[in-house]
Amino acid sequence: MDNDTATPDAAKKAVWKECNFDTGFTRGGEQITKIRLRKPKGGELRGLNLQDLMRADVNAIITVLPRISDPIMTVADAESLDADDIAEAGGVITGFFFNSAQRKMIAAMMSTS
């Protein structure tokens, strides 16, 4: 979940993070348990409440997943995810909204545990 693929010129390049599902979703007979999520841009957040995304609201997660996933998920794919997989995706999405100080604090907490 922590695979940042940001480049030094991150303002011009997309930021992707891996999202690993326990169960995932089925596409064409194949079980997909690993996707990448891209940090959303303003247009991809249209119609959503940022507070809902920060609280990992299920409806907000299901709405934004098809907009930022690779491989592209459908709404039906997102709706079929198990609760723990929705939580995993929500954690990745929420992480996109942390500022640098919050990321440093989390990294420090993770290194001491």
N, C-alpha and C. Protein backbone atom coordinates (compact mmCIF):
# COMPACT_ATOMS: atom_id res chain seq x y z
N MET A 1 0.81 -1.18 0.00
CA MET A 1 0.00 0.00 0.00
C MET A 1 0.86 1.25 0.00
N ASP A 2 2.13 1.19 0.27
CA ASP A 2 2.97 2.37 0.34
C ASP A 2 3.87 2.54 -0.86
N ASN A 3 3.53 2.00 -2.00
CA ASN A 3 4.37 2.12 -3.17
C ASN A 3 4.08 3.42 -3.90
N ASP A 4 4.74 4.50 -3.46
CA ASP A 4 4.60 5.77 -4.15
C ASP A 4 5.40 5.70 -5.44
N THR A 5 4.81 6.15 -6.51
CA THR A 5 5.55 6.22 -7.76
C THR A 5 5.65 7.67 -8.20
N ALA A 6 5.73 8.56 -7.21
CA ALA A 6 5.87 9.97 -7.51
C ALA A 6 7.28 10.23 -8.01
N THR A 7 7.39 11.14 -8.93
CA THR A 7 8.69 11.52 -9.48
C THR A 7 9.08 12.86 -8.90
N PRO A 8 10.34 13.30 -9.11
CA PRO A 8 10.73 14.60 -8.61
C PRO A 8 9.83 15.72 -9.13
N ASP A 9 9.27 15.53 -10.29
CA ASP A 9 8.38 16.53 -10.88
C ASP A 9 6.94 16.11 -10.64
N ALA A 10 6.61 15.85 -9.37
CA ALA A 10 5.30 15.29 -9.00
C ALA A 10 4.14 16.19 -9.40
N ALA A 11 4.39 17.47 -9.57
CA ALA A 11 3.31 18.37 -9.95
C ALA A 11 2.78 18.04 -11.34
N LYS A 12 3.60 17.43 -12.19
CA LYS A 12 3.19 17.11 -13.55
C LYS A 12 2.83 15.64 -13.73
N LYS A 13 3.29 14.79 -12.83
CA LYS A 13 3.06 13.36 -12.95
C LYS A 13 2.05 12.88 -11.92
N ALA A 14 1.31 11.86 -12.28
CA ALA A 14 0.32 11.29 -11.37
C ALA A 14 1.01 10.53 -10.24
N VAL A 15 0.40 10.53 -9.08
CA VAL A 15 0.89 9.77 -7.94
C VAL A 15 0.01 8.53 -7.82
N TRP A 16 0.64 7.37 -7.87
CA TRP A 16 -0.07 6.09 -7.79
C TRP A 16 0.33 5.36 -6.52
N LYS A 17 -0.60 4.64 -5.94
CA LYS A 17 -0.33 3.75 -4.80
C LYS A 17 -0.99 2.42 -5.06
N GLU A 18 -0.31 1.36 -4.63
CA GLU A 18 -0.88 0.03 -4.77
C GLU A 18 -1.95 -0.18 -3.72
N CYS A 19 -2.95 -0.95 -4.09
CA CYS A 19 -4.02 -1.33 -3.18
C CYS A 19 -4.20 -2.83 -3.33
N ASN A 20 -3.94 -3.57 -2.26
CA ASN A 20 -4.03 -5.03 -2.28
C ASN A 20 -5.27 -5.47 -1.53
N PHE A 21 -6.13 -6.17 -2.24
CA PHE A 21 -7.37 -6.67 -1.67
C PHE A 21 -7.19 -8.11 -1.19
N ASP A 22 -7.91 -8.46 -0.14
CA ASP A 22 -7.93 -9.85 0.32
C ASP A 22 -8.74 -10.72 -0.64
N THR A 23 -9.90 -10.22 -1.04
CA THR A 23 -10.79 -10.98 -1.93
C THR A 23 -10.83 -10.38 -3.32
N GLY A 24 -10.99 -9.08 -3.43
CA GLY A 24 -11.01 -8.41 -4.73
C GLY A 24 -12.32 -8.58 -5.47
N PHE A 25 -12.24 -8.51 -6.79
CA PHE A 25 -13.43 -8.61 -7.63
C PHE A 25 -13.08 -9.45 -8.86
N THR A 26 -14.12 -9.97 -9.51
CA THR A 26 -13.93 -10.84 -10.66
C THR A 26 -14.16 -10.05 -11.94
N ARG A 27 -13.26 -10.23 -12.89
CA ARG A 27 -13.39 -9.59 -14.20
C ARG A 27 -13.00 -10.63 -15.24
N GLY A 28 -13.95 -10.98 -16.09
CA GLY A 28 -13.68 -11.95 -17.15
C GLY A 28 -13.16 -13.29 -16.64
N GLY A 29 -13.69 -13.73 -15.53
CA GLY A 29 -13.28 -15.00 -14.96
C GLY A 29 -12.00 -14.94 -14.14
N GLU A 30 -11.36 -13.78 -14.11
CA GLU A 30 -10.12 -13.60 -13.35
C GLU A 30 -10.39 -12.84 -12.07
N GLN A 31 -9.83 -13.32 -10.97
CA GLN A 31 -9.97 -12.65 -9.68
C GLN A 31 -8.88 -11.58 -9.58
N ILE A 32 -9.27 -10.32 -9.44
CA ILE A 32 -8.31 -9.22 -9.36
C ILE A 32 -8.20 -8.80 -7.90
N THR A 33 -7.01 -8.94 -7.36
CA THR A 33 -6.78 -8.62 -5.95
C THR A 33 -5.76 -7.51 -5.77
N LYS A 34 -5.23 -6.98 -6.86
CA LYS A 34 -4.25 -5.91 -6.77
C LYS A 34 -4.56 -4.87 -7.83
N ILE A 35 -4.73 -3.63 -7.38
CA ILE A 35 -4.96 -2.52 -8.30
C ILE A 35 -4.04 -1.37 -7.90
N ARG A 36 -3.99 -0.37 -8.74
CA ARG A 36 -3.30 0.87 -8.40
C ARG A 36 -4.34 1.97 -8.35
N LEU A 37 -4.16 2.88 -7.40
CA LEU A 37 -5.05 4.02 -7.29
C LEU A 37 -4.23 5.29 -7.49
N ARG A 38 -4.79 6.19 -8.28
CA ARG A 38 -4.12 7.45 -8.60
C ARG A 38 -4.70 8.56 -7.73
N LYS A 39 -3.83 9.44 -7.26
CA LYS A 39 -4.30 10.58 -6.49
C LYS A 39 -5.29 11.36 -7.34
N PRO A 40 -6.51 11.56 -6.82
CA PRO A 40 -7.55 12.20 -7.64
C PRO A 40 -7.28 13.68 -7.88
N LYS A 41 -7.70 14.11 -9.04
CA LYS A 41 -7.68 15.53 -9.41
C LYS A 41 -9.06 16.12 -9.09
N GLY A 42 -9.16 17.42 -9.18
CA GLY A 42 -10.40 18.11 -8.83
C GLY A 42 -11.62 17.59 -9.56
N GLY A 43 -11.52 17.37 -10.86
CA GLY A 43 -12.67 16.91 -11.63
C GLY A 43 -13.15 15.53 -11.21
N GLU A 44 -12.23 14.70 -10.74
CA GLU A 44 -12.60 13.35 -10.31
C GLU A 44 -13.29 13.37 -8.94
N LEU A 45 -13.18 14.51 -8.27
CA LEU A 45 -13.83 14.66 -6.97
C LEU A 45 -15.18 15.36 -7.08
N ARG A 46 -15.53 15.74 -8.31
CA ARG A 46 -16.79 16.46 -8.53
C ARG A 46 -17.96 15.63 -8.02
N GLY A 47 -18.85 16.31 -7.30
CA GLY A 47 -20.04 15.64 -6.76
C GLY A 47 -19.79 14.93 -5.45
N LEU A 48 -18.56 14.96 -4.96
CA LEU A 48 -18.22 14.30 -3.70
C LEU A 48 -17.93 15.33 -2.63
N ASN A 49 -18.10 14.94 -1.41
CA ASN A 49 -17.76 15.77 -0.26
C ASN A 49 -16.41 15.28 0.24
N LEU A 50 -15.42 16.18 0.32
CA LEU A 50 -14.09 15.77 0.78
C LEU A 50 -14.12 15.19 2.19
N GLN A 51 -14.98 15.70 3.02
CA GLN A 51 -15.10 15.15 4.37
C GLN A 51 -15.55 13.70 4.33
N ASP A 52 -16.44 13.36 3.40
CA ASP A 52 -16.87 11.97 3.26
C ASP A 52 -15.70 11.08 2.87
N LEU A 53 -14.85 11.55 1.96
CA LEU A 53 -13.68 10.76 1.59
C LEU A 53 -12.71 10.63 2.75
N MET A 54 -12.50 11.71 3.49
CA MET A 54 -11.59 11.67 4.64
C MET A 54 -12.10 10.73 5.74
N ARG A 55 -13.42 10.58 5.82
CA ARG A 55 -14.01 9.66 6.81
C ARG A 55 -14.15 8.26 6.24
N ALA A 56 -13.69 8.06 5.00
CA ALA A 56 -13.77 6.78 4.31
C ALA A 56 -15.22 6.30 4.21
N ASP A 57 -16.10 7.23 3.86
CA ASP A 57 -17.50 6.91 3.63
C ASP A 57 -17.62 5.93 2.47
N VAL A 58 -18.35 4.86 2.66
CA VAL A 58 -18.45 3.80 1.64
C VAL A 58 -18.99 4.33 0.32
N ASN A 59 -20.03 5.15 0.36
CA ASN A 59 -20.59 5.68 -0.88
C ASN A 59 -19.56 6.52 -1.64
N ALA A 60 -18.80 7.33 -0.92
CA ALA A 60 -17.78 8.16 -1.56
C ALA A 60 -16.67 7.30 -2.16
N ILE A 61 -16.28 6.25 -1.45
CA ILE A 61 -15.23 5.35 -1.97
C ILE A 61 -15.72 4.66 -3.24
N ILE A 62 -16.93 4.13 -3.21
CA ILE A 62 -17.49 3.45 -4.38
C ILE A 62 -17.61 4.40 -5.56
N THR A 63 -17.90 5.66 -5.29
CA THR A 63 -18.02 6.64 -6.37
C THR A 63 -16.66 6.97 -6.99
N VAL A 64 -15.64 7.14 -6.16
CA VAL A 64 -14.35 7.60 -6.68
C VAL A 64 -13.48 6.45 -7.24
N LEU A 65 -13.65 5.24 -6.77
CA LEU A 65 -12.81 4.13 -7.24
C LEU A 65 -12.79 3.99 -8.77
N PRO A 66 -13.93 3.98 -9.45
CA PRO A 66 -13.87 3.85 -10.91
C PRO A 66 -13.17 5.02 -11.61
N ARG A 67 -13.06 6.12 -10.95
CA ARG A 67 -12.44 7.31 -11.54
C ARG A 67 -10.92 7.31 -11.43
N ILE A 68 -10.37 6.53 -10.48
CA ILE A 68 -8.93 6.63 -10.20
C ILE A 68 -8.22 5.28 -10.20
N SER A 69 -8.86 4.22 -10.62
CA SER A 69 -8.25 2.88 -10.50
C SER A 69 -7.63 2.39 -11.80
N ASP A 70 -6.63 1.54 -11.65
CA ASP A 70 -5.99 0.85 -12.76
C ASP A 70 -5.71 -0.58 -12.30
N PRO A 71 -6.35 -1.58 -12.89
CA PRO A 71 -7.28 -1.48 -14.00
C PRO A 71 -8.54 -0.73 -13.58
N ILE A 72 -9.19 -0.12 -14.55
CA ILE A 72 -10.38 0.66 -14.27
C ILE A 72 -11.47 -0.25 -13.71
N MET A 73 -11.98 0.13 -12.56
CA MET A 73 -13.09 -0.61 -11.94
C MET A 73 -14.39 0.01 -12.40
N THR A 74 -15.41 -0.81 -12.50
CA THR A 74 -16.76 -0.30 -12.73
C THR A 74 -17.40 -0.05 -11.36
N VAL A 75 -18.52 0.64 -11.36
CA VAL A 75 -19.26 0.83 -10.12
C VAL A 75 -19.67 -0.54 -9.56
N ALA A 76 -20.07 -1.45 -10.46
CA ALA A 76 -20.45 -2.80 -10.02
C ALA A 76 -19.26 -3.52 -9.37
N ASP A 77 -18.06 -3.35 -9.91
CA ASP A 77 -16.86 -3.94 -9.30
C ASP A 77 -16.67 -3.40 -7.89
N ALA A 78 -16.77 -2.07 -7.75
CA ALA A 78 -16.58 -1.44 -6.45
C ALA A 78 -17.65 -1.89 -5.46
N GLU A 79 -18.89 -1.99 -5.93
CA GLU A 79 -19.97 -2.41 -5.05
C GLU A 79 -19.84 -3.87 -4.63
N SER A 80 -19.12 -4.67 -5.40
CA SER A 80 -18.98 -6.09 -5.08
C SER A 80 -17.85 -6.38 -4.09
N LEU A 81 -17.06 -5.36 -3.75
CA LEU A 81 -15.94 -5.57 -2.84
C LEU A 81 -16.41 -5.93 -1.43
N ASP A 82 -15.66 -6.81 -0.79
CA ASP A 82 -15.92 -7.13 0.62
C ASP A 82 -15.60 -5.92 1.48
N ALA A 83 -16.13 -5.90 2.68
CA ALA A 83 -15.94 -4.77 3.59
C ALA A 83 -14.47 -4.47 3.85
N ASP A 84 -13.65 -5.53 4.06
CA ASP A 84 -12.24 -5.29 4.32
C ASP A 84 -11.52 -4.72 3.11
N ASP A 85 -11.96 -5.06 1.91
CA ASP A 85 -11.36 -4.49 0.70
C ASP A 85 -11.77 -3.04 0.51
N ILE A 86 -13.02 -2.71 0.84
CA ILE A 86 -13.46 -1.30 0.81
C ILE A 86 -12.63 -0.49 1.80
N ALA A 87 -12.40 -1.06 2.99
CA ALA A 87 -11.60 -0.37 4.00
C ALA A 87 -10.17 -0.15 3.51
N GLU A 88 -9.60 -1.13 2.84
CA GLU A 88 -8.25 -1.00 2.29
C GLU A 88 -8.20 0.12 1.26
N ALA A 89 -9.15 0.14 0.35
CA ALA A 89 -9.20 1.21 -0.66
C ALA A 89 -9.41 2.57 0.01
N GLY A 90 -10.27 2.61 1.01
CA GLY A 90 -10.51 3.85 1.74
C GLY A 90 -9.25 4.37 2.42
N GLY A 91 -8.45 3.46 2.96
CA GLY A 91 -7.19 3.87 3.59
C GLY A 91 -6.22 4.48 2.59
N VAL A 92 -6.14 3.86 1.42
CA VAL A 92 -5.26 4.41 0.37
C VAL A 92 -5.75 5.77 -0.07
N ILE A 93 -7.05 5.88 -0.32
CA ILE A 93 -7.63 7.14 -0.79
C ILE A 93 -7.44 8.24 0.26
N THR A 94 -7.72 7.93 1.51
CA THR A 94 -7.55 8.90 2.59
C THR A 94 -6.11 9.39 2.66
N GLY A 95 -5.17 8.49 2.45
CA GLY A 95 -3.75 8.85 2.48
C GLY A 95 -3.37 9.90 1.46
N PHE A 96 -4.10 9.99 0.36
CA PHE A 96 -3.81 11.01 -0.64
C PHE A 96 -4.05 12.42 -0.11
N PHE A 97 -4.84 12.56 0.93
CA PHE A 97 -5.21 13.88 1.43
C PHE A 97 -4.36 14.34 2.61
N PHE A 98 -3.40 13.51 3.04
CA PHE A 98 -2.52 13.93 4.14
C PHE A 98 -1.50 14.94 3.62
N ASN A 99 -1.17 15.92 4.47
CA ASN A 99 -0.11 16.83 4.09
C ASN A 99 1.24 16.22 4.48
N SER A 100 2.33 16.86 4.11
CA SER A 100 3.66 16.28 4.35
C SER A 100 3.94 16.08 5.83
N ALA A 101 3.49 16.99 6.69
CA ALA A 101 3.71 16.83 8.13
C ALA A 101 2.97 15.61 8.67
N GLN A 102 1.75 15.39 8.21
CA GLN A 102 0.99 14.22 8.64
C GLN A 102 1.66 12.94 8.15
N ARG A 103 2.17 12.93 6.91
CA ARG A 103 2.86 11.75 6.39
C ARG A 103 4.11 11.43 7.20
N LYS A 104 4.86 12.46 7.58
CA LYS A 104 6.07 12.26 8.39
C LYS A 104 5.71 11.68 9.75
N MET A 105 4.64 12.18 10.35
CA MET A 105 4.22 11.69 11.66
C MET A 105 3.81 10.22 11.57
N ILE A 106 3.08 9.87 10.54
CA ILE A 106 2.66 8.48 10.36
C ILE A 106 3.88 7.59 10.12
N ALA A 107 4.81 8.05 9.29
CA ALA A 107 6.03 7.27 9.03
C ALA A 107 6.83 7.05 10.31
N ALA A 108 6.91 8.08 11.15
CA ALA A 108 7.63 7.95 12.42
C ALA A 108 6.94 6.95 13.34
N MET A 109 5.61 7.00 13.38
CA MET A 109 4.86 6.06 14.22
C MET A 109 5.04 4.63 13.70
N MET A 110 5.06 4.46 12.39
CA MET A 110 5.21 3.12 11.81
C MET A 110 6.62 2.57 12.06
N SER A 111 7.62 3.41 12.08
CA SER A 111 8.99 2.93 12.28
C SER A 111 9.27 2.56 13.73
N THR A 112 8.49 3.07 14.67
CA THR A 112 8.70 2.74 16.08
C THR A 112 7.87 1.55 16.53
N SER A 113 6.96 1.09 15.70
CA SER A 113 6.12 -0.04 16.12
C SER A 113 6.61 -1.34 15.58
